[in-house]
Amino acid sequence: MCMRSPSEYPYFRWCDLLLLAVVVILLIAAGSEGGYSGSGEILEIRTPMGSTEHSMSRDTTLSVPGALGDLTVTVRDDRARVAASPCRGQDCVRTGWIDSPGEISVCMPSGVYLTVKGGGGTAPDAVSY
C-alpha cells in the first residue's frame, strides 16, 4: 500500500505523513490529559490540637500551634512550606516547598504535619533509588 518507488514520491509517502499526524495527535492527547501535574489542591495541617485543611490556590501565611509553640506556614503559588519553627533542628524549615499530592513536611518536636492532598494528576506511590 505504501510501497511505491522512490521516484514517484521523492520526499514523503502519504503513509509517512499519516504516521506523523498520528504521533502528533498522541503527543497532544498525552500532554492534555493531566498525568502527574505536580499541583495539589488542599493542604492538610495536622497538629496535636486537631486537623485543618486550607486551599493551596490562595496565597496566605498561617500561624500553626504546635507542642513547642507556633510555626509559620507559608502558602504561595500552589505550594506550601514551614517558614519558621520553634524547634531546635529546623528540619521542617529545610524541607522547603511541597506542592505535589502525597508530599509532606513534618516538625516532629512540635507534632505538626503538612500534607498535600488532591490534585488532578496521579502521583507515584513510591520512589526508590
Protein backbone atom coordinates (compact mmCIF):
# COMPACT_ATOMS: atom_id res chain seq x y z
CA MET A 1 0.00 0.00 0.00
CA CYS A 2 2.75 2.43 0.94
CA MET A 3 5.33 0.62 -1.14
CA ARG A 4 5.91 2.90 -4.09
CA SER A 5 9.13 3.54 -5.87
CA PRO A 6 11.18 6.48 -4.58
CA SER A 7 10.94 8.20 -7.97
CA GLU A 8 7.14 8.61 -7.61
CA TYR A 9 7.38 10.34 -4.20
CA PRO A 10 10.89 11.68 -3.70
CA TYR A 11 10.35 13.14 -0.21
CA PHE A 12 7.44 11.56 1.66
CA ARG A 13 4.91 8.88 1.05
CA TRP A 14 1.35 9.53 2.15
CA CYS A 15 1.62 6.89 4.92
CA ASP A 16 4.69 8.74 6.29
CA LEU A 17 2.56 11.85 6.69
CA LEU A 18 -0.26 9.80 8.21
CA LEU A 19 2.16 8.28 10.74
CA LEU A 20 3.48 11.75 11.60
CA ALA A 21 -0.08 13.04 12.12
CA VAL A 22 -0.92 10.11 14.44
CA VAL A 23 2.22 10.73 16.51
CA VAL A 24 1.44 14.45 16.85
CA ILE A 25 -2.15 13.70 17.90
CA LEU A 26 -0.95 11.19 20.51
CA LEU A 27 1.58 13.66 21.92
CA ILE A 28 -1.07 16.38 22.19
CA ALA A 29 -3.51 13.97 23.86
CA ALA A 30 -0.88 12.76 26.34
CA GLY A 31 0.01 16.32 27.29
CA SER A 32 -3.56 17.46 27.80
CA GLU A 33 -4.75 14.51 29.92
CA GLY A 34 -3.07 15.86 33.01
CA GLY A 35 -0.87 12.99 34.08
CA TYR A 36 1.36 13.88 37.01
CA SER A 37 0.67 17.57 37.27
CA GLY A 38 2.60 18.31 40.47
CA SER A 39 -0.05 20.65 41.72
CA GLY A 40 -2.08 19.81 44.80
CA GLU A 41 -5.33 21.42 45.75
CA ILE A 42 -5.56 21.10 49.52
CA LEU A 43 -3.02 21.50 52.31
CA GLU A 44 -3.89 19.38 55.34
CA ILE A 45 -2.32 20.56 58.59
CA ARG A 46 -2.35 18.09 61.49
CA THR A 47 -1.37 19.37 64.92
CA PRO A 48 -1.66 17.98 68.47
CA MET A 49 -4.86 20.08 68.74
CA GLY A 50 -6.54 18.67 65.60
CA SER A 51 -6.55 18.78 61.81
CA THR A 52 -7.47 21.54 59.35
CA GLU A 53 -7.44 21.94 55.57
CA HIS A 54 -6.53 25.01 53.52
CA SER A 55 -6.72 25.75 49.81
CA MET A 56 -3.31 25.95 48.16
CA SER A 57 -4.63 28.22 45.42
CA ARG A 58 -4.88 31.13 47.87
CA ASP A 59 -1.64 32.80 48.97
CA THR A 60 -1.52 33.18 52.74
CA THR A 61 0.66 32.94 55.85
CA LEU A 62 -0.64 30.82 58.72
CA SER A 63 0.33 30.62 62.36
CA VAL A 64 0.02 26.96 63.34
CA PRO A 65 0.09 25.95 67.02
CA GLY A 66 2.44 23.10 67.88
CA ALA A 67 3.68 21.42 71.05
CA LEU A 68 6.69 23.76 71.27
CA GLY A 69 4.96 26.92 70.08
CA ASP A 70 3.64 28.43 66.88
CA LEU A 71 5.02 27.53 63.45
CA THR A 72 4.73 29.86 60.47
CA VAL A 73 3.40 28.14 57.35
CA THR A 74 3.51 29.98 54.03
CA VAL A 75 1.22 29.06 51.13
CA ARG A 76 2.15 30.71 47.82
CA ASP A 77 1.84 29.84 44.12
CA ASP A 78 0.08 26.49 44.80
CA ARG A 79 2.81 25.28 47.15
CA ALA A 80 3.44 25.37 50.91
CA ARG A 81 6.32 25.34 53.38
CA VAL A 82 7.20 25.77 57.03
CA ALA A 83 8.82 29.20 57.04
CA ALA A 84 9.69 29.31 60.75
CA SER A 85 9.57 26.86 63.63
CA PRO A 86 10.49 26.95 67.31
CA CYS A 87 12.12 23.52 67.12
CA ARG A 88 15.84 23.06 67.50
CA GLY A 89 16.77 21.05 64.39
CA GLN A 90 14.82 23.12 61.79
CA ASP A 91 14.46 20.06 59.52
CA CYS A 92 10.90 21.11 58.69
CA VAL A 93 12.13 24.51 57.51
CA ARG A 94 14.92 22.93 55.44
CA THR A 95 12.40 20.62 53.74
CA GLY A 96 11.34 23.62 51.67
CA TRP A 97 8.33 23.82 49.39
CA ILE A 98 5.88 20.98 48.94
CA ASP A 99 3.36 21.02 46.07
CA SER A 100 2.65 17.50 44.81
CA PRO A 101 -0.06 15.22 46.17
CA GLY A 102 1.42 12.95 48.82
CA GLU A 103 4.33 15.24 49.72
CA ILE A 104 4.75 16.01 53.42
CA SER A 105 6.69 18.32 55.69
CA VAL A 106 6.92 17.30 59.35
CA CYS A 107 8.02 19.07 62.51
CA MET A 108 8.35 16.09 64.85
CA PRO A 109 9.22 18.02 68.03
CA SER A 110 6.13 20.22 67.59
CA GLY A 111 3.92 17.38 66.32
CA VAL A 112 2.87 19.28 63.16
CA TYR A 113 2.37 17.53 59.81
CA LEU A 114 1.74 19.27 56.47
CA THR A 115 0.35 17.02 53.73
CA VAL A 116 -0.59 17.95 50.16
CA LYS A 117 -3.88 16.34 49.14
CA GLY A 118 -5.87 16.37 45.92
CA GLY A 119 -4.64 17.43 42.53
CA GLY A 120 -5.79 16.33 39.13
CA GLY A 121 -2.86 14.09 38.33
CA THR A 122 -1.64 10.81 39.66
CA ALA A 123 1.40 10.89 41.89
CA PRO A 124 3.71 7.91 42.14
CA ASP A 125 3.11 5.63 45.14
CA ALA A 126 6.81 5.47 45.94
CA VAL A 127 10.16 6.48 44.55
CA SER A 128 13.31 4.45 45.22
CA TYR A 129 16.89 4.90 44.17
